[in-house]
Amino acid sequence: MRFTITVVCCSALHGQESYENINSHFGSIASVPLHPMGTYTSVGWGLLGGAGYNFSEEHAAIGEFDLDGTLCDRTALLPLQQATGQNFRGHSKLYVLTAD
């Protein structure tokens, strides 16, 4: 059995005669853990946003905030649950603040 996934990205490009002084962006994040972390965590989600000031067409100062969260796989916590006799869950949240 074969599966084919095709991803098409399109964008509209246009020339600008002048640049804006203030820039901003906002987006969402999907994180997929790879081996070996893929056996312990699941797919994560997140949000990203930032704003800055353009000094010229080539130079800018930009600040960004990133929030990324993942959930722990329940089978990964099973040995700890059996050892302690408690039922608990695991999750992780990563907060990142950058300045460029």
Protein backbone atom coordinates (compact mmCIF):
# COMPACT_ATOMS: atom_id res chain seq x y z
CA MET A 1 0.00 0.00 0.00
CA ARG A 2 1.43 3.39 -0.99
CA PHE A 3 0.60 6.84 0.25
CA THR A 4 1.60 10.00 -1.51
CA ILE A 5 1.55 13.37 0.19
CA THR A 6 1.85 16.48 -1.92
CA VAL A 7 2.37 19.88 -0.37
CA VAL A 8 1.91 22.98 -2.46
CA CYS A 9 3.05 26.37 -1.21
CA CYS A 10 2.00 29.51 -3.00
CA SER A 11 2.81 33.06 -2.16
CA ALA A 12 2.11 36.39 -3.72
CA LEU A 13 5.25 38.41 -4.30
CA HIS A 14 5.11 42.08 -5.00
CA GLY A 15 7.66 44.83 -5.17
CA GLN A 16 7.62 47.62 -2.66
CA GLU A 17 8.69 51.10 -3.49
CA SER A 18 9.14 52.01 0.16
CA TYR A 19 9.40 50.08 3.40
CA GLU A 20 7.30 50.35 6.54
CA ASN A 21 8.95 51.30 9.83
CA ILE A 22 7.02 48.81 11.97
CA ASN A 23 6.90 45.09 11.19
CA SER A 24 5.04 42.29 12.93
CA HIS A 25 4.27 38.62 12.47
CA PHE A 26 2.15 35.90 14.09
CA GLY A 27 1.97 32.18 13.41
CA SER A 28 1.34 28.71 14.74
CA ILE A 29 3.78 25.85 15.27
CA ALA A 30 3.39 22.09 14.96
CA SER A 31 6.28 20.08 16.43
CA VAL A 32 6.85 16.40 15.74
CA PRO A 33 9.37 14.66 18.01
CA LEU A 34 11.89 12.34 16.37
CA HIS A 35 13.71 9.31 17.72
CA PRO A 36 14.48 8.85 20.62
CA MET A 37 12.10 11.50 22.05
CA GLY A 38 9.30 10.31 19.75
CA THR A 39 8.82 7.26 21.96
CA TYR A 40 8.14 9.43 25.03
CA THR A 41 6.26 12.46 23.70
CA SER A 42 3.52 13.18 21.20
CA VAL A 43 2.90 15.89 18.63
CA GLY A 44 3.08 19.38 20.06
CA TRP A 45 1.59 22.75 19.20
CA GLY A 46 2.61 26.31 19.69
CA LEU A 47 2.24 29.98 18.93
CA LEU A 48 4.81 32.47 17.68
CA GLY A 49 4.61 36.23 17.49
CA GLY A 50 6.92 39.15 17.15
CA ALA A 51 7.30 42.79 16.28
CA GLY A 52 10.10 45.13 15.45
CA TYR A 53 11.32 48.35 13.94
CA ASN A 54 12.91 48.66 10.50
CA PHE A 55 15.86 51.06 10.48
CA SER A 56 16.33 50.64 6.73
CA GLU A 57 15.36 48.15 4.04
CA GLU A 58 18.16 45.80 5.18
CA HIS A 59 18.41 46.43 8.96
CA ALA A 60 15.84 45.90 11.71
CA ALA A 61 15.47 45.12 15.42
CA ILE A 62 12.91 42.37 16.06
CA GLY A 63 11.64 40.74 19.26
CA GLU A 64 9.89 37.36 19.20
CA PHE A 65 7.95 35.23 21.67
CA ASP A 66 7.51 31.49 21.16
CA LEU A 67 5.30 29.09 23.14
CA ASP A 68 5.62 25.38 22.35
CA GLY A 69 3.87 22.61 24.28
CA THR A 70 4.05 18.80 24.10
CA LEU A 71 2.28 16.01 25.95
CA CYS A 72 3.95 12.96 27.44
CA ASP A 73 2.98 9.52 26.14
CA ARG A 74 1.06 7.58 28.82
CA THR A 75 3.03 4.37 28.19
CA ALA A 76 6.27 6.24 28.96
CA LEU A 77 4.93 7.15 32.42
CA LEU A 78 3.64 3.63 33.20
CA PRO A 79 6.80 2.46 35.07
CA LEU A 80 6.72 5.58 37.28
CA GLN A 81 3.01 5.16 37.95
CA GLN A 82 3.51 1.53 38.96
CA ALA A 83 6.46 2.38 41.21
CA THR A 84 4.69 5.20 43.05
CA GLY A 85 1.14 3.87 42.93
CA GLN A 86 -0.10 7.24 41.69
CA ASN A 87 -1.85 8.20 38.49
CA PHE A 88 -0.37 11.34 36.92
CA ARG A 89 0.19 12.97 33.55
CA GLY A 90 3.14 14.73 32.00
CA HIS A 91 3.44 17.75 29.77
CA SER A 92 6.04 20.30 28.80
CA LYS A 93 5.77 23.96 27.86
CA LEU A 94 8.70 25.82 26.34
CA TYR A 95 8.73 29.61 26.50
CA VAL A 96 11.30 31.42 24.34
CA LEU A 97 11.97 35.14 24.14
CA THR A 98 14.46 36.30 21.49
CA ALA A 99 15.73 39.60 20.19
CA ASP A 100 17.34 39.94 16.77
